[in-house]
Structures are given as C-alpha cells and as structure tokens.
Amino acid sequence: SDTLEDCRVFDYETEQYLPVYDLSAPGGSDPYEIFLFGSKSLLTVENPNAETERELIIFRDSFGSTLAPLLIDSYKKITLVDIRYLQSAFVGGFVDFNNQDVLFLYSVPVLNNSSTMK
C-alpha cells in the first residue's frame, strides 16, 4: 500500500533506513526475513501519513514482525524491540517510555524457552 511504501524503517544495528518488506528474502532460509528483515534487535517504523500522534512499542521475536506492518495505519511510530538480542537493561537507553501503547508479542517456542531472552 502507499502507506507502507512511505514508511521509514530505521535499523539501529546498521544505522540505515530499510523498507518494510525485504522482497529478496522469500528464497532465503528464514521465511520471516521478508517482514522487517527478520531478527533485528531494534527497529523504528515511522509513518509520515499517520493521522494520529500515537506510538506503539512491540516487544517481539521475528514472528511478531509479521504483524507490525498491519498495525502501522494506527500509529505514527512503532518501535520493535527483540530482547533476545538486546539486553532488557539497555532498552531504556533507546526507547522513551512515555504514554505509548505497549504490546508483548512472542511465539510459543520463544516463550517456552525464556532463557533466550536477555
């Protein structure tokens, strides 16, 4: 959609802007990489067409990245945090917790193996 094409995704690991979908990923080993480039520790999706100032923070695994694009119409900014790769003690240095909606979205295998979370 036009909304998704206009969104900017900032990858804190590479300090680059990425598209929402990686259309080269379907042939790869991880099918989730098509959605926000798969397993990334911290991403921010900015929607310049938002009709709201609302922000969302999603704590998620790569499975959770599949749903984030479906929520972008309702938010100006979505921050995706994967605490499997970013220690929870450091999240506050990157994310401002001030009146945002928060969603915890993990697949069952990740929850059943909580030792993968930092």
N, C-alpha and C. Protein backbone atom coordinates (compact mmCIF):
# COMPACT_ATOMS: atom_id res chain seq x y z
N SER A 1 0.84 -1.19 0.00
CA SER A 1 0.00 0.00 0.00
C SER A 1 0.88 1.24 0.00
N ASP A 2 0.28 2.37 -0.33
CA ASP A 2 1.02 3.64 -0.32
C ASP A 2 1.55 3.96 1.07
N THR A 3 0.75 3.64 2.09
CA THR A 3 1.18 3.92 3.46
C THR A 3 2.47 3.17 3.78
N LEU A 4 2.51 1.88 3.47
CA LEU A 4 3.71 1.09 3.77
C LEU A 4 4.90 1.52 2.93
N GLU A 5 4.66 1.91 1.70
CA GLU A 5 5.77 2.38 0.85
C GLU A 5 6.36 3.68 1.36
N ASP A 6 5.54 4.51 2.01
CA ASP A 6 6.00 5.80 2.53
C ASP A 6 6.67 5.69 3.89
N CYS A 7 6.49 4.56 4.56
CA CYS A 7 7.08 4.37 5.90
C CYS A 7 8.59 4.27 5.81
N ARG A 8 9.22 4.74 6.88
CA ARG A 8 10.68 4.63 7.02
C ARG A 8 10.96 3.72 8.19
N VAL A 9 11.82 2.73 7.96
CA VAL A 9 12.21 1.78 9.00
C VAL A 9 13.68 2.02 9.31
N PHE A 10 13.97 2.42 10.55
CA PHE A 10 15.37 2.64 10.94
C PHE A 10 15.88 1.43 11.69
N ASP A 11 17.00 0.88 11.21
CA ASP A 11 17.66 -0.27 11.82
C ASP A 11 18.81 0.26 12.67
N TYR A 12 18.71 0.13 13.98
CA TYR A 12 19.73 0.64 14.89
C TYR A 12 21.05 -0.14 14.80
N GLU A 13 21.00 -1.38 14.34
CA GLU A 13 22.22 -2.18 14.21
C GLU A 13 23.12 -1.65 13.08
N THR A 14 22.50 -1.35 11.94
CA THR A 14 23.27 -0.90 10.77
C THR A 14 23.22 0.61 10.59
N GLU A 15 22.39 1.28 11.39
CA GLU A 15 22.17 2.73 11.29
C GLU A 15 21.78 3.11 9.86
N GLN A 16 20.84 2.34 9.30
CA GLN A 16 20.34 2.57 7.95
C GLN A 16 18.81 2.54 7.95
N TYR A 17 18.25 3.17 6.94
CA TYR A 17 16.81 3.07 6.71
C TYR A 17 16.55 1.92 5.75
N LEU A 18 15.53 1.14 6.04
CA LEU A 18 15.17 -0.04 5.27
C LEU A 18 13.71 0.06 4.85
N PRO A 19 13.30 -0.71 3.83
CA PRO A 19 11.87 -0.80 3.52
C PRO A 19 11.18 -1.72 4.53
N VAL A 20 9.86 -1.68 4.56
CA VAL A 20 9.09 -2.54 5.46
C VAL A 20 9.24 -4.01 5.08
N TYR A 21 9.24 -4.29 3.78
CA TYR A 21 9.35 -5.67 3.31
C TYR A 21 10.65 -5.86 2.54
N ASP A 22 11.33 -6.97 2.78
CA ASP A 22 12.52 -7.34 2.03
C ASP A 22 12.09 -8.35 0.98
N LEU A 23 11.81 -7.88 -0.21
CA LEU A 23 11.27 -8.74 -1.26
C LEU A 23 12.28 -9.72 -1.83
N SER A 24 13.54 -9.60 -1.42
CA SER A 24 14.55 -10.58 -1.86
C SER A 24 14.62 -11.78 -0.90
N ALA A 25 13.95 -11.70 0.23
CA ALA A 25 14.06 -12.72 1.28
C ALA A 25 13.29 -14.02 1.05
N PRO A 26 12.21 -14.07 0.25
CA PRO A 26 11.45 -15.33 0.18
C PRO A 26 12.27 -16.56 -0.21
N GLY A 27 13.36 -16.41 -0.92
CA GLY A 27 14.16 -17.55 -1.30
C GLY A 27 15.18 -17.95 -0.25
N GLY A 28 15.26 -17.20 0.85
CA GLY A 28 16.27 -17.45 1.88
C GLY A 28 15.88 -18.55 2.84
N SER A 29 16.70 -18.75 3.86
CA SER A 29 16.49 -19.83 4.82
C SER A 29 15.45 -19.50 5.89
N ASP A 30 15.21 -18.22 6.15
CA ASP A 30 14.25 -17.81 7.18
C ASP A 30 13.09 -17.06 6.52
N PRO A 31 11.91 -17.67 6.47
CA PRO A 31 10.78 -17.02 5.80
C PRO A 31 10.33 -15.72 6.48
N TYR A 32 10.68 -15.52 7.75
CA TYR A 32 10.27 -14.30 8.44
C TYR A 32 11.10 -13.08 8.04
N GLU A 33 12.21 -13.30 7.33
CA GLU A 33 13.06 -12.18 6.94
C GLU A 33 12.39 -11.21 5.98
N ILE A 34 11.33 -11.63 5.32
CA ILE A 34 10.61 -10.73 4.43
C ILE A 34 9.98 -9.58 5.22
N PHE A 35 9.61 -9.84 6.46
CA PHE A 35 8.95 -8.85 7.31
C PHE A 35 9.99 -8.11 8.15
N LEU A 36 10.25 -6.87 7.82
CA LEU A 36 11.17 -6.04 8.61
C LEU A 36 12.53 -6.69 8.80
N PHE A 37 12.96 -7.45 7.82
CA PHE A 37 14.30 -8.05 7.77
C PHE A 37 14.55 -9.05 8.90
N GLY A 38 13.49 -9.66 9.43
CA GLY A 38 13.63 -10.77 10.37
C GLY A 38 14.15 -10.40 11.73
N SER A 39 15.16 -11.11 12.18
CA SER A 39 15.68 -10.96 13.54
C SER A 39 16.59 -9.74 13.65
N LYS A 40 16.03 -8.67 14.13
CA LYS A 40 16.77 -7.43 14.37
C LYS A 40 16.50 -7.03 15.81
N SER A 41 17.51 -6.53 16.50
CA SER A 41 17.34 -6.20 17.92
C SER A 41 16.45 -4.99 18.15
N LEU A 42 16.55 -3.99 17.27
CA LEU A 42 15.80 -2.75 17.49
C LEU A 42 15.53 -2.06 16.17
N LEU A 43 14.26 -1.80 15.91
CA LEU A 43 13.83 -1.09 14.71
C LEU A 43 12.80 -0.04 15.10
N THR A 44 12.73 1.02 14.31
CA THR A 44 11.68 2.01 14.46
C THR A 44 11.03 2.22 13.11
N VAL A 45 9.70 2.11 13.06
CA VAL A 45 8.94 2.34 11.84
C VAL A 45 8.21 3.67 12.02
N GLU A 46 8.45 4.59 11.10
CA GLU A 46 7.80 5.90 11.15
C GLU A 46 6.81 6.00 10.00
N ASN A 47 5.59 6.40 10.32
CA ASN A 47 4.53 6.54 9.34
C ASN A 47 4.25 8.03 9.12
N PRO A 48 4.76 8.63 8.03
CA PRO A 48 4.55 10.05 7.80
C PRO A 48 3.10 10.40 7.44
N ASN A 49 2.30 9.39 7.09
CA ASN A 49 0.90 9.62 6.72
C ASN A 49 -0.06 9.42 7.88
N ALA A 50 0.46 9.22 9.07
CA ALA A 50 -0.40 8.94 10.22
C ALA A 50 -1.31 10.12 10.53
N GLU A 51 -2.52 9.80 10.88
CA GLU A 51 -3.49 10.82 11.29
C GLU A 51 -3.57 10.90 12.80
N THR A 52 -2.56 10.41 13.46
CA THR A 52 -2.50 10.37 14.92
C THR A 52 -1.07 10.59 15.37
N GLU A 53 -0.90 10.91 16.63
CA GLU A 53 0.44 11.04 17.22
C GLU A 53 0.78 9.81 18.06
N ARG A 54 -0.10 8.81 18.05
CA ARG A 54 0.09 7.63 18.88
C ARG A 54 1.35 6.86 18.49
N GLU A 55 1.96 6.26 19.52
CA GLU A 55 3.15 5.43 19.32
C GLU A 55 2.93 4.08 19.98
N LEU A 56 3.58 3.07 19.42
CA LEU A 56 3.47 1.71 19.92
C LEU A 56 4.88 1.14 20.09
N ILE A 57 5.08 0.43 21.17
CA ILE A 57 6.32 -0.33 21.40
C ILE A 57 5.94 -1.80 21.41
N ILE A 58 6.59 -2.57 20.54
CA ILE A 58 6.32 -4.01 20.46
C ILE A 58 7.57 -4.76 20.90
N PHE A 59 7.43 -5.53 21.95
CA PHE A 59 8.47 -6.47 22.35
C PHE A 59 8.14 -7.77 21.62
N ARG A 60 9.06 -8.23 20.77
CA ARG A 60 8.69 -9.31 19.87
C ARG A 60 9.89 -10.14 19.42
N ASP A 61 9.57 -11.28 18.81
CA ASP A 61 10.55 -12.07 18.09
C ASP A 61 10.30 -11.84 16.60
N SER A 62 10.98 -12.58 15.74
CA SER A 62 10.80 -12.34 14.30
C SER A 62 9.37 -12.66 13.87
N PHE A 63 8.70 -13.59 14.54
CA PHE A 63 7.30 -13.88 14.25
C PHE A 63 6.44 -12.62 14.47
N GLY A 64 6.74 -11.86 15.52
CA GLY A 64 6.00 -10.64 15.80
C GLY A 64 6.16 -9.58 14.72
N SER A 65 7.24 -9.65 13.97
CA SER A 65 7.46 -8.70 12.88
C SER A 65 6.44 -8.86 11.77
N THR A 66 5.83 -10.03 11.66
CA THR A 66 4.84 -10.24 10.62
C THR A 66 3.60 -9.41 10.85
N LEU A 67 3.30 -9.10 12.11
CA LEU A 67 2.08 -8.35 12.42
C LEU A 67 2.28 -6.84 12.49
N ALA A 68 3.48 -6.39 12.71
CA ALA A 68 3.74 -4.95 12.85
C ALA A 68 3.26 -4.14 11.65
N PRO A 69 3.50 -4.58 10.40
CA PRO A 69 3.00 -3.79 9.27
C PRO A 69 1.48 -3.63 9.25
N LEU A 70 0.77 -4.57 9.84
CA LEU A 70 -0.69 -4.48 9.88
C LEU A 70 -1.17 -3.41 10.85
N LEU A 71 -0.31 -2.98 11.76
CA LEU A 71 -0.69 -2.00 12.78
C LEU A 71 -0.28 -0.57 12.43
N ILE A 72 0.52 -0.41 11.39
CA ILE A 72 1.13 0.90 11.11
C ILE A 72 0.09 1.97 10.78
N ASP A 73 -1.05 1.62 10.24
CA ASP A 73 -2.08 2.63 9.94
C ASP A 73 -2.57 3.35 11.19
N SER A 74 -2.45 2.70 12.34
CA SER A 74 -2.98 3.27 13.59
C SER A 74 -1.95 4.02 14.42
N TYR A 75 -0.70 4.10 13.93
CA TYR A 75 0.36 4.71 14.72
C TYR A 75 1.27 5.58 13.87
N LYS A 76 1.79 6.61 14.50
CA LYS A 76 2.79 7.46 13.86
C LYS A 76 4.16 6.78 13.91
N LYS A 77 4.39 6.05 15.00
CA LYS A 77 5.69 5.42 15.20
C LYS A 77 5.50 4.08 15.92
N ILE A 78 6.18 3.06 15.40
CA ILE A 78 6.21 1.76 16.05
C ILE A 78 7.67 1.40 16.29
N THR A 79 8.00 1.09 17.53
CA THR A 79 9.34 0.64 17.89
C THR A 79 9.26 -0.84 18.18
N LEU A 80 10.11 -1.61 17.52
CA LEU A 80 10.14 -3.06 17.69
C LEU A 80 11.42 -3.44 18.43
N VAL A 81 11.26 -4.12 19.56
CA VAL A 81 12.38 -4.49 20.42
C VAL A 81 12.40 -6.01 20.54
N ASP A 82 13.56 -6.59 20.27
CA ASP A 82 13.72 -8.03 20.42
C ASP A 82 14.74 -8.27 21.53
N ILE A 83 14.25 -8.62 22.72
CA ILE A 83 15.16 -8.78 23.86
C ILE A 83 15.89 -10.12 23.85
N ARG A 84 15.80 -10.83 22.75
CA ARG A 84 16.70 -11.98 22.57
C ARG A 84 18.08 -11.47 22.15
N TYR A 85 18.11 -10.28 21.55
CA TYR A 85 19.37 -9.73 21.03
C TYR A 85 19.77 -8.42 21.69
N LEU A 86 18.89 -7.81 22.44
CA LEU A 86 19.17 -6.56 23.13
C LEU A 86 18.82 -6.76 24.60
N GLN A 87 19.79 -6.61 25.47
CA GLN A 87 19.53 -6.81 26.89
C GLN A 87 18.47 -5.84 27.39
N SER A 88 17.53 -6.35 28.15
CA SER A 88 16.42 -5.52 28.62
C SER A 88 16.92 -4.33 29.44
N ALA A 89 18.05 -4.45 30.09
CA ALA A 89 18.60 -3.34 30.88
C ALA A 89 18.98 -2.14 30.00
N PHE A 90 19.23 -2.38 28.72
CA PHE A 90 19.63 -1.31 27.80
C PHE A 90 18.48 -0.70 27.03
N VAL A 91 17.30 -1.29 27.10
CA VAL A 91 16.17 -0.82 26.30
C VAL A 91 15.84 0.64 26.59
N GLY A 92 15.88 1.03 27.87
CA GLY A 92 15.56 2.41 28.25
C GLY A 92 16.49 3.45 27.65
N GLY A 93 17.67 3.04 27.22
CA GLY A 93 18.59 3.96 26.56
C GLY A 93 18.20 4.26 25.12
N PHE A 94 17.34 3.41 24.55
CA PHE A 94 16.92 3.58 23.17
C PHE A 94 15.45 3.95 23.04
N VAL A 95 14.66 3.56 24.02
CA VAL A 95 13.21 3.73 23.94
C VAL A 95 12.75 4.65 25.06
N ASP A 96 11.99 5.65 24.69
CA ASP A 96 11.41 6.58 25.66
C ASP A 96 10.02 6.07 26.04
N PHE A 97 9.87 5.59 27.25
CA PHE A 97 8.58 5.09 27.71
C PHE A 97 7.77 6.23 28.28
N ASN A 98 6.96 6.85 27.43
CA ASN A 98 6.17 8.00 27.86
C ASN A 98 4.86 8.02 27.08
N ASN A 99 3.84 7.37 27.62
CA ASN A 99 2.49 7.41 27.06
C ASN A 99 2.35 6.65 25.74
N GLN A 100 3.16 5.62 25.50
CA GLN A 100 2.99 4.78 24.32
C GLN A 100 2.18 3.55 24.68
N ASP A 101 1.55 2.97 23.68
CA ASP A 101 0.96 1.65 23.84
C ASP A 101 2.10 0.64 23.81
N VAL A 102 1.95 -0.46 24.55
CA VAL A 102 2.98 -1.49 24.60
C VAL A 102 2.32 -2.84 24.34
N LEU A 103 2.97 -3.62 23.45
CA LEU A 103 2.47 -4.94 23.09
C LEU A 103 3.60 -5.95 23.22
N PHE A 104 3.33 -7.05 23.91
CA PHE A 104 4.29 -8.15 24.02
C PHE A 104 3.80 -9.24 23.08
N LEU A 105 4.60 -9.56 22.08
CA LEU A 105 4.16 -10.45 21.02
C LEU A 105 5.27 -11.46 20.71
N TYR A 106 5.17 -12.64 21.32
CA TYR A 106 6.18 -13.68 21.14
C TYR A 106 5.50 -14.98 20.73
N SER A 107 6.21 -15.76 19.95
CA SER A 107 5.70 -17.08 19.57
C SER A 107 5.84 -18.02 20.77
N VAL A 108 5.08 -19.08 20.76
CA VAL A 108 5.10 -20.04 21.87
C VAL A 108 6.49 -20.66 22.07
N PRO A 109 7.21 -21.07 21.01
CA PRO A 109 8.54 -21.64 21.25
C PRO A 109 9.50 -20.68 21.97
N VAL A 110 9.41 -19.40 21.68
CA VAL A 110 10.28 -18.44 22.38
C VAL A 110 9.87 -18.34 23.84
N LEU A 111 8.59 -18.25 24.11
CA LEU A 111 8.13 -18.16 25.49
C LEU A 111 8.47 -19.41 26.29
N ASN A 112 8.38 -20.56 25.64
CA ASN A 112 8.71 -21.80 26.33
C ASN A 112 10.20 -21.99 26.56
N ASN A 113 11.01 -21.17 25.90
CA ASN A 113 12.46 -21.21 26.08
C ASN A 113 12.92 -19.82 26.48
N SER A 114 12.43 -19.35 27.61
CA SER A 114 12.67 -17.97 28.04
C SER A 114 14.15 -17.66 28.28
N SER A 115 15.00 -18.66 28.33
CA SER A 115 16.42 -18.39 28.52
C SER A 115 17.02 -17.65 27.33
N THR A 116 16.32 -17.62 26.20
CA THR A 116 16.81 -16.89 25.04
C THR A 116 16.64 -15.38 25.20
N MET A 117 15.79 -14.98 26.15
CA MET A 117 15.56 -13.55 26.38
C MET A 117 16.59 -13.00 27.35
N LYS A 118 17.06 -11.79 27.06
CA LYS A 118 18.09 -11.17 27.89
C LYS A 118 17.43 -10.23 28.84
